[in-house]
Amino acid sequence: NVVERTPPYVEEILPGSPAAKAGLRVDDLIVYFDGVPVSSIAAFRDLMSVTRPGQTVKLEVRRGEKLEPVELKLEEKPGK
């Protein structure tokens, strides 16, 4: 399963989304989620599945050669 092995990276940022508000950028590689190493897209999805709207998570992303901290405030999905 390729999702189990693919590092979690940002493929797209929707205008006005929590990711856009947090300052995430296309091609950022998500390395840590609240201090927990994130090894794959599947692991990132698992971590996101236990978070709730209104919660703020601290990500560390690799941007180029540097690690950058990002605080992401989760919102309710549209249509819910």
N, C-alpha and C. Protein backbone atom coordinates (compact mmCIF):
# COMPACT_ATOMS: atom_id res chain seq x y z
N ASN A 1 0.84 -1.18 0.00
CA ASN A 1 0.00 0.00 0.00
C ASN A 1 0.88 1.24 0.00
N VAL A 2 0.80 2.01 -1.04
CA VAL A 2 1.67 3.18 -1.21
C VAL A 2 1.40 4.24 -0.15
N VAL A 3 0.16 4.35 0.35
CA VAL A 3 -0.17 5.34 1.38
C VAL A 3 0.58 5.04 2.68
N GLU A 4 0.86 3.79 2.93
CA GLU A 4 1.59 3.40 4.15
C GLU A 4 3.05 3.83 4.09
N ARG A 5 3.57 4.03 2.89
CA ARG A 5 5.00 4.35 2.74
C ARG A 5 5.28 5.78 2.31
N THR A 6 4.28 6.49 1.82
CA THR A 6 4.49 7.83 1.29
C THR A 6 4.55 8.85 2.42
N PRO A 7 5.62 9.65 2.48
CA PRO A 7 5.69 10.70 3.51
C PRO A 7 4.54 11.69 3.33
N PRO A 8 4.03 12.21 4.45
CA PRO A 8 2.91 13.16 4.35
C PRO A 8 3.41 14.54 3.89
N TYR A 9 2.99 14.94 2.72
CA TYR A 9 3.39 16.24 2.21
C TYR A 9 2.14 16.99 1.78
N VAL A 10 2.27 18.29 1.70
CA VAL A 10 1.15 19.15 1.33
C VAL A 10 1.12 19.24 -0.19
N GLU A 11 0.02 18.76 -0.74
CA GLU A 11 -0.12 18.74 -2.20
C GLU A 11 -0.87 19.96 -2.73
N GLU A 12 -1.81 20.46 -1.92
CA GLU A 12 -2.64 21.59 -2.35
C GLU A 12 -3.10 22.36 -1.12
N ILE A 13 -3.23 23.67 -1.26
CA ILE A 13 -3.76 24.54 -0.20
C ILE A 13 -4.98 25.26 -0.76
N LEU A 14 -6.12 25.06 -0.13
CA LEU A 14 -7.32 25.75 -0.57
C LEU A 14 -7.38 27.13 0.08
N PRO A 15 -7.68 28.17 -0.68
CA PRO A 15 -7.78 29.51 -0.12
C PRO A 15 -8.78 29.55 1.03
N GLY A 16 -8.40 30.19 2.13
CA GLY A 16 -9.27 30.33 3.28
C GLY A 16 -9.35 29.11 4.18
N SER A 17 -8.67 28.04 3.81
CA SER A 17 -8.69 26.81 4.61
C SER A 17 -7.84 26.96 5.87
N PRO A 18 -8.02 26.08 6.85
CA PRO A 18 -7.16 26.12 8.03
C PRO A 18 -5.67 26.03 7.66
N ALA A 19 -5.35 25.22 6.64
CA ALA A 19 -3.96 25.09 6.21
C ALA A 19 -3.42 26.42 5.68
N ALA A 20 -4.24 27.12 4.90
CA ALA A 20 -3.83 28.43 4.37
C ALA A 20 -3.65 29.42 5.51
N LYS A 21 -4.59 29.42 6.46
CA LYS A 21 -4.50 30.34 7.60
C LYS A 21 -3.28 30.07 8.46
N ALA A 22 -2.87 28.81 8.53
CA ALA A 22 -1.71 28.43 9.35
C ALA A 22 -0.39 28.74 8.65
N GLY A 23 -0.43 29.00 7.35
CA GLY A 23 0.79 29.30 6.62
C GLY A 23 1.47 28.08 6.01
N LEU A 24 0.76 26.96 5.93
CA LEU A 24 1.33 25.80 5.25
C LEU A 24 1.51 26.13 3.77
N ARG A 25 2.48 25.48 3.15
CA ARG A 25 2.77 25.71 1.74
C ARG A 25 2.80 24.40 0.98
N VAL A 26 2.47 24.47 -0.31
CA VAL A 26 2.58 23.30 -1.16
C VAL A 26 4.02 22.78 -1.08
N ASP A 27 4.15 21.47 -1.00
CA ASP A 27 5.43 20.74 -0.90
C ASP A 27 6.02 20.72 0.50
N ASP A 28 5.36 21.34 1.51
CA ASP A 28 5.81 21.15 2.89
C ASP A 28 5.70 19.66 3.22
N LEU A 29 6.66 19.14 3.92
CA LEU A 29 6.65 17.75 4.37
C LEU A 29 6.36 17.75 5.86
N ILE A 30 5.28 17.11 6.27
CA ILE A 30 4.89 17.09 7.68
C ILE A 30 5.75 16.05 8.40
N VAL A 31 6.55 16.51 9.36
CA VAL A 31 7.51 15.65 10.05
C VAL A 31 7.01 15.28 11.45
N TYR A 32 6.41 16.24 12.16
CA TYR A 32 5.90 16.00 13.52
C TYR A 32 4.49 16.54 13.66
N PHE A 33 3.68 15.85 14.45
CA PHE A 33 2.31 16.23 14.76
C PHE A 33 2.20 16.23 16.27
N ASP A 34 2.13 17.40 16.89
CA ASP A 34 2.14 17.51 18.35
C ASP A 34 3.29 16.71 18.97
N GLY A 35 4.47 16.81 18.35
CA GLY A 35 5.66 16.16 18.87
C GLY A 35 5.82 14.70 18.48
N VAL A 36 4.84 14.12 17.82
CA VAL A 36 4.89 12.72 17.41
C VAL A 36 5.43 12.65 15.98
N PRO A 37 6.49 11.85 15.73
CA PRO A 37 6.99 11.71 14.36
C PRO A 37 5.91 11.13 13.44
N VAL A 38 5.81 11.68 12.24
CA VAL A 38 4.82 11.23 11.27
C VAL A 38 5.57 10.61 10.09
N SER A 39 5.41 9.30 9.91
CA SER A 39 6.21 8.60 8.90
C SER A 39 5.50 8.40 7.57
N SER A 40 4.17 8.57 7.55
CA SER A 40 3.44 8.29 6.32
C SER A 40 2.12 9.07 6.29
N ILE A 41 1.51 9.08 5.12
CA ILE A 41 0.20 9.70 4.97
C ILE A 41 -0.80 8.97 5.87
N ALA A 42 -0.71 7.65 5.93
CA ALA A 42 -1.62 6.86 6.76
C ALA A 42 -1.47 7.25 8.23
N ALA A 43 -0.24 7.43 8.70
CA ALA A 43 -0.01 7.82 10.10
C ALA A 43 -0.58 9.22 10.35
N PHE A 44 -0.43 10.14 9.41
CA PHE A 44 -0.99 11.48 9.55
C PHE A 44 -2.52 11.41 9.63
N ARG A 45 -3.13 10.61 8.77
CA ARG A 45 -4.59 10.46 8.81
C ARG A 45 -5.05 9.90 10.15
N ASP A 46 -4.31 8.93 10.68
CA ASP A 46 -4.66 8.36 11.98
C ASP A 46 -4.64 9.43 13.07
N LEU A 47 -3.59 10.26 13.06
CA LEU A 47 -3.49 11.33 14.05
C LEU A 47 -4.61 12.35 13.88
N MET A 48 -4.93 12.68 12.65
CA MET A 48 -6.00 13.65 12.39
C MET A 48 -7.35 13.09 12.81
N SER A 49 -7.52 11.79 12.73
CA SER A 49 -8.83 11.19 13.03
C SER A 49 -9.22 11.33 14.50
N VAL A 50 -8.27 11.58 15.37
CA VAL A 50 -8.59 11.73 16.80
C VAL A 50 -8.59 13.19 17.25
N THR A 51 -8.53 14.11 16.30
CA THR A 51 -8.60 15.53 16.62
C THR A 51 -10.02 16.03 16.36
N ARG A 52 -10.35 17.15 16.96
CA ARG A 52 -11.70 17.70 16.84
C ARG A 52 -11.65 19.15 16.38
N PRO A 53 -12.73 19.62 15.73
CA PRO A 53 -12.81 21.03 15.35
C PRO A 53 -12.58 21.93 16.57
N GLY A 54 -11.85 23.00 16.35
CA GLY A 54 -11.52 23.93 17.42
C GLY A 54 -10.19 23.62 18.08
N GLN A 55 -9.70 22.41 17.90
CA GLN A 55 -8.41 22.01 18.47
C GLN A 55 -7.27 22.60 17.64
N THR A 56 -6.21 22.99 18.31
CA THR A 56 -5.01 23.47 17.62
C THR A 56 -3.94 22.41 17.76
N VAL A 57 -3.34 22.04 16.63
CA VAL A 57 -2.25 21.08 16.65
C VAL A 57 -0.97 21.77 16.21
N LYS A 58 0.13 21.32 16.77
CA LYS A 58 1.43 21.89 16.42
C LYS A 58 2.13 20.93 15.48
N LEU A 59 2.38 21.42 14.29
CA LEU A 59 3.09 20.65 13.29
C LEU A 59 4.51 21.18 13.16
N GLU A 60 5.41 20.31 12.76
CA GLU A 60 6.72 20.75 12.28
C GLU A 60 6.83 20.23 10.87
N VAL A 61 7.12 21.14 9.96
CA VAL A 61 7.22 20.77 8.55
C VAL A 61 8.62 21.03 8.05
N ARG A 62 9.05 20.17 7.14
CA ARG A 62 10.33 20.43 6.49
C ARG A 62 10.03 21.23 5.24
N ARG A 63 10.61 22.41 5.20
CA ARG A 63 10.44 23.34 4.09
C ARG A 63 11.83 23.62 3.57
N GLY A 64 12.15 23.04 2.42
CA GLY A 64 13.52 23.14 1.93
C GLY A 64 14.42 22.35 2.86
N GLU A 65 15.42 23.00 3.41
CA GLU A 65 16.36 22.34 4.30
C GLU A 65 16.09 22.63 5.78
N LYS A 66 15.00 23.37 6.07
CA LYS A 66 14.73 23.76 7.46
C LYS A 66 13.45 23.15 7.98
N LEU A 67 13.40 22.97 9.31
CA LEU A 67 12.16 22.60 9.98
C LEU A 67 11.46 23.88 10.43
N GLU A 68 10.18 23.98 10.12
CA GLU A 68 9.40 25.17 10.47
C GLU A 68 8.23 24.76 11.36
N PRO A 69 8.00 25.45 12.48
CA PRO A 69 6.82 25.16 13.30
C PRO A 69 5.58 25.81 12.68
N VAL A 70 4.46 25.09 12.75
CA VAL A 70 3.19 25.59 12.23
C VAL A 70 2.09 25.21 13.21
N GLU A 71 1.27 26.18 13.61
CA GLU A 71 0.11 25.88 14.45
C GLU A 71 -1.12 25.88 13.56
N LEU A 72 -1.81 24.77 13.56
CA LEU A 72 -2.97 24.56 12.71
C LEU A 72 -4.22 24.42 13.57
N LYS A 73 -5.16 25.38 13.42
CA LYS A 73 -6.43 25.30 14.16
C LYS A 73 -7.45 24.61 13.26
N LEU A 74 -7.93 23.48 13.75
CA LEU A 74 -8.86 22.67 12.97
C LEU A 74 -10.25 23.30 12.99
N GLU A 75 -10.95 23.15 11.87
CA GLU A 75 -12.30 23.67 11.74
C GLU A 75 -13.22 22.54 11.31
N GLU A 76 -14.51 22.76 11.49
CA GLU A 76 -15.53 21.81 11.03
C GLU A 76 -15.45 21.70 9.52
N LYS A 77 -15.58 20.49 8.99
CA LYS A 77 -15.60 20.32 7.54
C LYS A 77 -16.85 20.96 6.97
N PRO A 78 -16.75 21.61 5.82
CA PRO A 78 -17.94 22.21 5.20
C PRO A 78 -19.01 21.13 4.96
N GLY A 79 -20.25 21.51 5.18
CA GLY A 79 -21.33 20.57 4.95
C GLY A 79 -21.69 19.73 6.15
N LYS A 80 -21.00 19.95 7.29
CA LYS A 80 -21.31 19.17 8.50
C LYS A 80 -22.07 20.03 9.47
